[in-house]
Amino acid sequence: MITKEWPPKIYGGAGVHVTNLVSALNQLPEISSQVHCFGETRNDAHAYPITGELTQLNPALQALLIDSDIAMGQSTPIAEANVVHSHTWYANFAGYLAAKSYGIAHVATAHSLEPLRPWKAEQLGGGYQISSWVERLAFENASAIIAVSDGMRSDVLKAYPSVDPTKVFTIRNGINTEKFVPNNDAKVIEKYGIHSKYAMFVGRITRQKGLAHVLRAWQSVNPDFTLVLAASSPDEPAIGQEVEALIAELSEARGNIIWIKEMLPHHELTALLTQAQAFLCPSIYEPLGIVNLEAMACETAVVASNVGGIPEVVADGKTGVLVEYTKDAPEFEKRLAKAINDVMSNTELAVSMGKAGRKRAVEEFGWDKVAQQTIDLYRSVIK
């Protein structure tokens, strides 16, 4: 398993996915796995850091250097593996090199697509051209590509028309419903000074997650409701400054905006999710959206945009409300505000959706199912 993210350095859905997938695979007797990750030494993975003057390179170039080290596999030869499985463009080049060097199968999971994230150019600069090239190279040469939703599978084939459709498979993300469970610890709510019904957003500060849309939409939400934001790690300065200005404006006008800037401990996260009247996911691009599954597993109604794989997770009218996304920002924000008001003002509806969401998460998105489907795919590509 090749990944940029590995505990304790987890900052996005791909990292959550890899961590849970490896744990689930290790429960199966027919597989032995090794993890190769970016960064400092770990006890449970082979880690590859960038040091010295190389840390000044563009992040995309740093990724290529790390991928080369991983493919060489000096301490634990990757050449001995039957399959290399890479996650995100950061790690895909290592999978490509290993496959070409040793003649082994390469499976790449598509968690997102560079052509559909043009705002990444703000973060990576010229490195965006490198990340786009790496992703294309890896996908066009991979033995198989795992798409985390049917929407993602369709996007892969549209973005890369030369990819053989027969080697692109949908295996949806999962959720650990024993870890994400309803948690009604009122002390957590008290700690953060929440005194009224609230909606919650959890995610990185990036254009992809649509946080700015929520902040503008909230101007039209009933002022009796509170907005809780667990948002940090801006992708680049401009979006960070935009979000900070919008939060300051809302706070001054309404005084019921709570911004949690640090990563929440798990117990506090589940408590805040559980006791929210609604969870908000206004993404403008979302291959699947593990965070929606986390909220659903905590019995919380979801208000989300109907982009990417989100409609495959959130059942509109049953586990939440899907809001039609449009590039006309004022119109999207108007629709978003209405959906938020509808759920926030109807506790009976929110509770019903929350319970249905938990049931759906347990029955359809268990990691054991994901692991078995992944094993079956590995078998199909091993020569």
Protein backbone atom coordinates (compact mmCIF):
# COMPACT_ATOMS: atom_id res chain seq x y z
CA MET A 1 0.00 0.00 0.00
CA ILE A 2 1.52 3.33 -1.07
CA THR A 3 0.12 6.55 0.37
CA LYS A 4 1.12 10.07 1.22
CA GLU A 5 -1.01 10.09 4.38
CA TRP A 6 -0.65 7.67 7.26
CA PRO A 7 -1.32 8.15 10.99
CA PRO A 8 -0.64 10.44 12.67
CA LYS A 9 -0.40 12.60 9.53
CA ILE A 10 -4.00 12.38 8.30
CA TYR A 11 -5.59 15.48 6.83
CA GLY A 12 -8.15 14.29 4.29
CA GLY A 13 -10.52 11.58 3.15
CA ALA A 14 -7.85 9.64 1.27
CA GLY A 15 -5.86 9.20 4.47
CA VAL A 16 -8.95 8.04 6.36
CA HIS A 17 -9.70 5.61 3.54
CA VAL A 18 -6.22 4.05 3.43
CA THR A 19 -6.04 3.68 7.21
CA ASN A 20 -9.37 1.88 7.40
CA LEU A 21 -8.76 -0.21 4.29
CA VAL A 22 -5.42 -1.53 5.58
CA SER A 23 -6.99 -2.33 8.94
CA ALA A 24 -9.82 -4.24 7.25
CA LEU A 25 -7.49 -6.07 4.86
CA ASN A 26 -5.34 -7.18 7.77
CA GLN A 27 -8.35 -8.97 9.24
CA LEU A 28 -8.39 -11.29 6.23
CA PRO A 29 -6.11 -14.35 6.34
CA GLU A 30 -5.34 -14.39 2.63
CA ILE A 31 -3.33 -11.16 2.54
CA SER A 32 -0.13 -9.76 4.00
CA SER A 33 0.23 -6.00 3.61
CA GLN A 34 2.99 -3.44 3.90
CA VAL A 35 2.46 0.31 4.02
CA HIS A 36 4.87 2.78 2.41
CA CYS A 37 4.11 6.41 3.26
CA PHE A 38 5.52 9.91 3.08
CA GLY A 39 7.16 11.55 6.07
CA GLU A 40 8.92 10.64 9.27
CA THR A 41 9.54 7.20 10.78
CA ARG A 42 6.50 5.17 11.86
CA ASN A 43 6.29 1.93 13.80
CA ASP A 44 3.66 0.46 11.49
CA ALA A 45 4.83 1.68 8.08
CA HIS A 46 7.92 2.28 5.98
CA ALA A 47 8.26 6.06 5.83
CA TYR A 48 10.19 8.22 3.38
CA PRO A 49 11.03 11.80 4.40
CA ILE A 50 12.33 14.75 2.43
CA THR A 51 15.17 16.55 4.19
CA GLY A 52 17.61 19.42 3.83
CA GLU A 53 17.52 21.65 0.78
CA LEU A 54 15.04 19.33 -0.94
CA THR A 55 12.30 20.64 1.35
CA GLN A 56 12.47 23.89 -0.62
CA LEU A 57 11.36 22.19 -3.84
CA ASN A 58 7.84 22.46 -5.20
CA PRO A 59 5.65 19.87 -3.40
CA ALA A 60 5.04 18.06 -6.68
CA LEU A 61 8.76 17.58 -7.25
CA GLN A 62 9.17 16.40 -3.67
CA ALA A 63 6.48 13.79 -4.31
CA LEU A 64 8.33 12.46 -7.36
CA LEU A 65 11.54 12.08 -5.36
CA ILE A 66 9.76 10.24 -2.54
CA ASP A 67 7.96 8.02 -5.03
CA SER A 68 11.29 7.08 -6.58
CA ASP A 69 12.66 6.11 -3.17
CA ILE A 70 9.56 4.02 -2.45
CA ALA A 71 9.81 2.19 -5.77
CA MET A 72 13.46 1.34 -5.06
CA GLY A 73 12.28 -0.30 -1.83
CA GLN A 74 15.75 -0.72 -0.34
CA SER A 75 14.68 -1.84 3.15
CA THR A 76 11.69 -3.94 2.11
CA PRO A 77 11.78 -4.65 -1.63
CA ILE A 78 8.50 -3.82 -3.31
CA ALA A 79 9.62 -6.21 -6.06
CA GLU A 80 8.52 -9.07 -3.79
CA ALA A 81 4.89 -7.88 -3.76
CA ASN A 82 2.15 -9.34 -5.94
CA VAL A 83 0.29 -6.02 -6.12
CA VAL A 84 1.14 -2.38 -5.42
CA HIS A 85 -1.85 -0.24 -4.54
CA SER A 86 -1.39 3.54 -4.66
CA HIS A 87 -3.64 6.34 -3.43
CA THR A 88 -3.81 9.86 -4.95
CA TRP A 89 -1.43 11.32 -7.51
CA TYR A 90 1.14 11.90 -4.77
CA ALA A 91 1.75 8.15 -4.54
CA ASN A 92 0.73 7.02 -8.03
CA PHE A 93 4.16 7.57 -9.56
CA ALA A 94 5.66 5.06 -7.10
CA GLY A 95 3.08 2.51 -8.19
CA TYR A 96 3.81 3.20 -11.83
CA LEU A 97 7.58 2.84 -11.34
CA ALA A 98 7.21 -0.36 -9.34
CA ALA A 99 4.95 -1.93 -11.93
CA LYS A 100 7.26 -1.03 -14.81
CA SER A 101 10.42 -2.01 -12.95
CA TYR A 102 9.32 -5.35 -11.53
CA GLY A 103 6.43 -6.45 -13.75
CA ILE A 104 3.90 -6.53 -10.93
CA ALA A 105 0.30 -5.36 -10.93
CA HIS A 106 -0.50 -1.75 -10.06
CA VAL A 107 -3.91 -0.80 -8.67
CA ALA A 108 -4.60 2.93 -8.27
CA THR A 109 -7.52 4.33 -6.29
CA ALA A 110 -9.04 7.52 -7.69
CA HIS A 111 -9.99 9.65 -4.69
CA SER A 112 -10.14 12.80 -6.80
CA LEU A 113 -9.06 13.94 -10.25
CA GLU A 114 -6.60 16.71 -11.02
CA PRO A 115 -8.42 17.97 -14.16
CA LEU A 116 -11.51 18.57 -12.00
CA ARG A 117 -9.57 20.54 -9.37
CA PRO A 118 -8.11 23.53 -11.24
CA TRP A 119 -7.90 25.50 -7.99
CA LYS A 120 -5.01 23.20 -7.02
CA ALA A 121 -2.85 25.39 -9.24
CA GLU A 122 -3.13 28.02 -6.48
CA GLN A 123 -1.56 25.55 -4.04
CA LEU A 124 0.96 23.76 -6.27
CA GLY A 125 1.81 26.50 -8.79
CA GLY A 126 3.69 24.91 -11.69
CA GLY A 127 3.54 21.64 -9.78
CA TYR A 128 -0.08 21.32 -10.88
CA GLN A 129 1.16 20.44 -14.37
CA ILE A 130 3.33 17.73 -12.80
CA SER A 131 0.49 16.30 -10.69
CA SER A 132 -1.78 16.21 -13.74
CA TRP A 133 0.89 14.45 -15.81
CA VAL A 134 1.55 11.87 -13.07
CA GLU A 135 -2.13 11.09 -12.67
CA ARG A 136 -2.61 10.57 -16.41
CA LEU A 137 0.53 8.41 -16.69
CA ALA A 138 -0.49 6.23 -13.75
CA PHE A 139 -4.10 5.75 -14.81
CA GLU A 140 -3.29 4.98 -18.43
CA ASN A 141 -0.79 2.31 -17.36
CA ALA A 142 -2.44 0.85 -14.24
CA SER A 143 -3.65 -2.76 -14.16
CA ALA A 144 -6.87 -1.50 -12.56
CA ILE A 145 -8.33 1.73 -11.26
CA ILE A 146 -10.66 1.82 -8.26
CA ALA A 147 -13.22 4.63 -8.34
CA VAL A 148 -14.73 5.46 -4.94
CA SER A 149 -18.15 6.09 -6.49
CA ASP A 150 -20.01 5.59 -9.76
CA GLY A 151 -19.75 9.33 -10.24
CA MET A 152 -15.98 9.10 -9.92
CA ARG A 153 -15.85 6.22 -12.39
CA SER A 154 -17.71 8.33 -14.92
CA ASP A 155 -15.36 11.26 -14.26
CA VAL A 156 -12.27 9.07 -14.76
CA LEU A 157 -13.48 7.93 -18.17
CA LYS A 158 -14.40 11.48 -19.22
CA ALA A 159 -11.11 12.98 -18.03
CA TYR A 160 -8.99 10.17 -19.47
CA PRO A 161 -10.77 8.81 -22.58
CA SER A 162 -7.81 6.57 -23.48
CA VAL A 163 -8.30 4.54 -20.27
CA ASP A 164 -9.90 1.15 -20.91
CA PRO A 165 -13.37 1.21 -19.24
CA THR A 166 -13.09 -2.48 -18.40
CA LYS A 167 -10.27 -1.78 -15.94
CA VAL A 168 -12.15 0.90 -13.94
CA PHE A 169 -14.12 -0.53 -11.01
CA THR A 170 -16.36 1.14 -8.44
CA ILE A 171 -15.57 0.21 -4.83
CA ARG A 172 -17.15 2.80 -2.56
CA ASN A 173 -15.56 4.20 0.56
CA GLY A 174 -16.59 2.70 3.87
CA ILE A 175 -17.20 3.85 7.42
CA ASN A 176 -16.30 2.26 10.75
CA THR A 177 -19.70 2.25 12.41
CA GLU A 178 -18.22 0.94 15.65
CA LYS A 179 -15.95 3.98 15.86
CA PHE A 180 -18.49 6.51 14.61
CA VAL A 181 -21.49 6.04 16.88
CA PRO A 182 -24.00 8.43 18.43
CA ASN A 183 -22.38 10.33 21.30
CA ASN A 184 -24.56 12.60 23.42
CA ASP A 185 -21.87 13.88 25.78
CA ALA A 186 -23.30 17.30 26.73
CA LYS A 187 -19.99 18.38 28.28
CA VAL A 188 -18.49 18.75 24.81
CA ILE A 189 -21.29 21.11 23.78
CA GLU A 190 -20.73 23.12 26.95
CA LYS A 191 -16.99 23.25 26.33
CA TYR A 192 -17.51 25.03 23.02
CA GLY A 193 -20.19 27.36 24.31
CA ILE A 194 -23.03 26.08 22.16
CA HIS A 195 -26.41 27.19 23.55
CA SER A 196 -28.89 26.69 20.71
CA LYS A 197 -29.71 24.39 17.82
CA TYR A 198 -26.73 24.21 15.51
CA ALA A 199 -25.54 23.00 12.14
CA MET A 200 -21.99 21.78 11.69
CA PHE A 201 -19.35 21.85 8.98
CA VAL A 202 -16.20 19.70 9.18
CA GLY A 203 -13.41 19.91 6.64
CA ARG A 204 -10.30 21.54 5.29
CA ILE A 205 -10.45 25.13 4.12
CA THR A 206 -10.32 24.57 0.39
CA ARG A 207 -12.44 25.71 -2.53
CA GLN A 208 -13.45 22.11 -3.14
CA LYS A 209 -15.34 21.90 0.17
CA GLY A 210 -17.47 24.99 -0.53
CA LEU A 211 -17.15 26.52 2.94
CA ALA A 212 -17.41 30.06 1.54
CA HIS A 213 -20.81 29.14 0.07
CA VAL A 214 -22.10 28.08 3.50
CA LEU A 215 -20.84 31.26 5.09
CA ARG A 216 -22.63 33.43 2.54
CA ALA A 217 -25.76 31.26 2.66
CA TRP A 218 -25.84 31.54 6.44
CA GLN A 219 -26.77 35.22 6.08
CA SER A 220 -30.23 33.93 5.10
CA VAL A 221 -30.53 31.28 7.80
CA ASN A 222 -32.73 31.86 10.86
CA PRO A 223 -30.57 33.88 13.29
CA ASP A 224 -31.72 31.68 16.19
CA PHE A 225 -29.51 28.88 14.89
CA THR A 226 -25.78 28.49 15.54
CA LEU A 227 -23.14 27.51 12.99
CA VAL A 228 -20.24 25.37 14.24
CA LEU A 229 -17.20 25.18 11.99
CA ALA A 230 -14.43 22.63 12.51
CA ALA A 231 -12.28 24.01 9.72
CA SER A 232 -8.54 24.41 9.38
CA SER A 233 -5.51 23.89 7.13
CA PRO A 234 -6.15 26.34 4.26
CA ASP A 235 -4.88 25.01 0.93
CA GLU A 236 -3.42 28.42 0.10
CA PRO A 237 -3.46 31.95 1.56
CA ALA A 238 -6.22 33.43 -0.62
CA ILE A 239 -8.94 30.97 0.39
CA GLY A 240 -7.80 31.17 4.01
CA GLN A 241 -8.14 34.95 4.00
CA GLU A 242 -11.52 34.82 2.24
CA VAL A 243 -12.96 32.37 4.77
CA GLU A 244 -11.56 34.28 7.73
CA ALA A 245 -13.12 37.52 6.46
CA LEU A 246 -16.52 35.87 5.92
CA ILE A 247 -16.46 34.34 9.42
CA ALA A 248 -15.54 37.68 10.96
CA GLU A 249 -18.38 39.38 9.09
CA LEU A 250 -20.91 36.76 10.21
CA SER A 251 -19.69 36.82 13.80
CA GLU A 252 -20.02 40.58 13.99
CA ALA A 253 -23.51 40.56 12.50
CA ARG A 254 -24.94 37.56 14.35
CA GLY A 255 -22.66 36.43 17.17
CA ASN A 256 -23.56 32.76 16.89
CA ILE A 257 -20.63 31.45 14.84
CA ILE A 258 -18.24 29.05 16.57
CA TRP A 259 -14.97 28.37 14.74
CA ILE A 260 -12.85 25.45 15.94
CA LYS A 261 -9.48 25.78 14.22
CA GLU A 262 -7.68 22.72 15.59
CA MET A 263 -8.32 19.08 14.68
CA LEU A 264 -10.92 17.69 17.05
CA PRO A 265 -10.24 14.63 19.22
CA HIS A 266 -12.43 11.76 18.06
CA HIS A 267 -14.69 11.81 21.13
CA GLU A 268 -15.39 15.51 20.69
CA LEU A 269 -15.95 15.13 16.96
CA THR A 270 -18.59 12.42 17.38
CA ALA A 271 -20.27 14.38 20.19
CA LEU A 272 -20.50 17.52 18.06
CA LEU A 273 -21.72 15.57 15.03
CA THR A 274 -24.34 13.68 17.03
CA GLN A 275 -25.85 16.70 18.74
CA ALA A 276 -25.98 18.85 15.61
CA GLN A 277 -29.39 19.27 14.04
CA ALA A 278 -27.77 19.10 10.61
CA PHE A 279 -24.41 18.37 9.05
CA LEU A 280 -23.45 20.59 6.12
CA CYS A 281 -21.49 19.44 3.05
CA PRO A 282 -21.63 22.19 0.40
CA SER A 283 -18.81 20.74 -1.74
CA ILE A 284 -18.48 21.86 -5.34
CA TYR A 285 -16.55 18.66 -6.08
CA GLU A 286 -16.70 15.47 -4.02
CA PRO A 287 -15.82 11.98 -5.29
CA LEU A 288 -17.80 10.40 -2.43
CA GLY A 289 -17.55 12.30 0.86
CA ILE A 290 -16.53 10.11 3.80
CA VAL A 291 -17.43 12.96 6.13
CA ASN A 292 -21.10 12.53 5.21
CA LEU A 293 -20.89 8.87 6.21
CA GLU A 294 -19.32 9.90 9.52
CA ALA A 295 -22.23 12.25 10.22
CA MET A 296 -24.79 9.67 9.17
CA ALA A 297 -23.19 7.05 11.42
CA CYS A 298 -23.67 9.51 14.30
CA GLU A 299 -27.40 9.77 13.45
CA THR A 300 -27.21 13.29 12.02
CA ALA A 301 -29.24 14.59 9.07
CA VAL A 302 -27.12 15.80 6.15
CA VAL A 303 -27.62 18.85 3.95
CA ALA A 304 -25.29 18.46 0.97
CA SER A 305 -24.74 19.51 -2.61
CA ASN A 306 -25.68 16.92 -5.21
CA VAL A 307 -22.24 16.67 -6.80
CA GLY A 308 -19.98 13.70 -7.55
CA GLY A 309 -20.61 10.66 -5.40
CA ILE A 310 -22.61 12.44 -2.67
CA PRO A 311 -25.99 11.25 -4.05
CA GLU A 312 -24.69 7.68 -3.74
CA VAL A 313 -24.29 8.25 0.01
CA VAL A 314 -27.02 10.69 1.00
CA ALA A 315 -30.52 9.48 0.14
CA ASP A 316 -32.42 12.65 -0.69
CA GLY A 317 -35.46 13.11 1.53
CA LYS A 318 -34.55 10.06 3.63
CA THR A 319 -31.13 10.57 5.23
CA GLY A 320 -30.79 14.23 4.31
CA VAL A 321 -31.47 16.89 1.72
CA LEU A 322 -29.55 17.24 -1.52
CA VAL A 323 -29.14 20.74 -2.90
CA GLU A 324 -28.74 21.18 -6.65
CA TYR A 325 -25.35 22.73 -7.34
CA THR A 326 -24.90 25.47 -9.89
CA LYS A 327 -21.94 27.66 -10.75
CA ASP A 328 -24.30 30.60 -10.20
CA ALA A 329 -23.07 31.15 -6.63
CA PRO A 330 -25.96 33.36 -5.37
CA GLU A 331 -28.51 30.85 -6.66
CA PHE A 332 -26.70 27.88 -5.09
CA GLU A 333 -26.40 29.74 -1.78
CA LYS A 334 -30.11 30.61 -1.88
CA ARG A 335 -30.99 26.92 -2.33
CA LEU A 336 -28.53 25.95 0.38
CA ALA A 337 -30.02 28.42 2.87
CA LYS A 338 -33.53 27.11 2.22
CA ALA A 339 -32.50 23.48 2.75
CA ILE A 340 -30.68 24.40 5.98
CA ASN A 341 -33.69 26.32 7.29
CA ASP A 342 -36.03 23.43 6.41
CA VAL A 343 -34.01 20.86 8.37
CA MET A 344 -33.03 23.14 11.24
CA SER A 345 -36.64 24.18 11.87
CA ASN A 346 -38.04 20.64 11.88
CA THR A 347 -36.51 18.55 14.66
CA GLU A 348 -38.78 15.58 13.97
CA LEU A 349 -37.59 15.49 10.36
CA ALA A 350 -33.94 15.83 11.39
CA VAL A 351 -34.20 12.99 13.91
CA SER A 352 -35.92 10.73 11.39
CA MET A 353 -33.25 11.42 8.77
CA GLY A 354 -30.49 10.85 11.30
CA LYS A 355 -31.77 7.42 12.28
CA ALA A 356 -32.20 6.44 8.63
CA GLY A 357 -28.66 7.63 7.95
CA ARG A 358 -27.19 5.45 10.67
CA LYS A 359 -29.08 2.43 9.34
CA ARG A 360 -27.84 3.09 5.81
CA ALA A 361 -24.24 3.52 6.95
CA VAL A 362 -24.26 0.24 8.86
CA GLU A 363 -25.97 -1.82 6.18
CA GLU A 364 -24.28 -0.53 3.04
CA PHE A 365 -20.88 0.99 3.87
CA GLY A 366 -19.02 -1.43 6.13
CA TRP A 367 -15.24 -1.68 5.64
CA ASP A 368 -15.46 -5.47 5.62
CA LYS A 369 -17.36 -5.22 2.33
CA VAL A 370 -14.80 -2.79 0.92
CA ALA A 371 -11.91 -5.07 1.90
CA GLN A 372 -13.45 -8.16 0.30
CA GLN A 373 -14.17 -6.33 -2.96
CA THR A 374 -10.58 -5.03 -2.97
CA ILE A 375 -9.15 -8.52 -2.40
CA ASP A 376 -11.25 -9.85 -5.28
CA LEU A 377 -9.86 -7.13 -7.53
CA TYR A 378 -6.28 -7.91 -6.49
CA ARG A 379 -6.82 -11.54 -7.46
CA SER A 380 -8.11 -10.52 -10.88
CA VAL A 381 -4.99 -8.52 -11.77
CA ILE A 382 -2.25 -10.77 -10.40
CA LYS A 383 -0.41 -12.43 -13.27
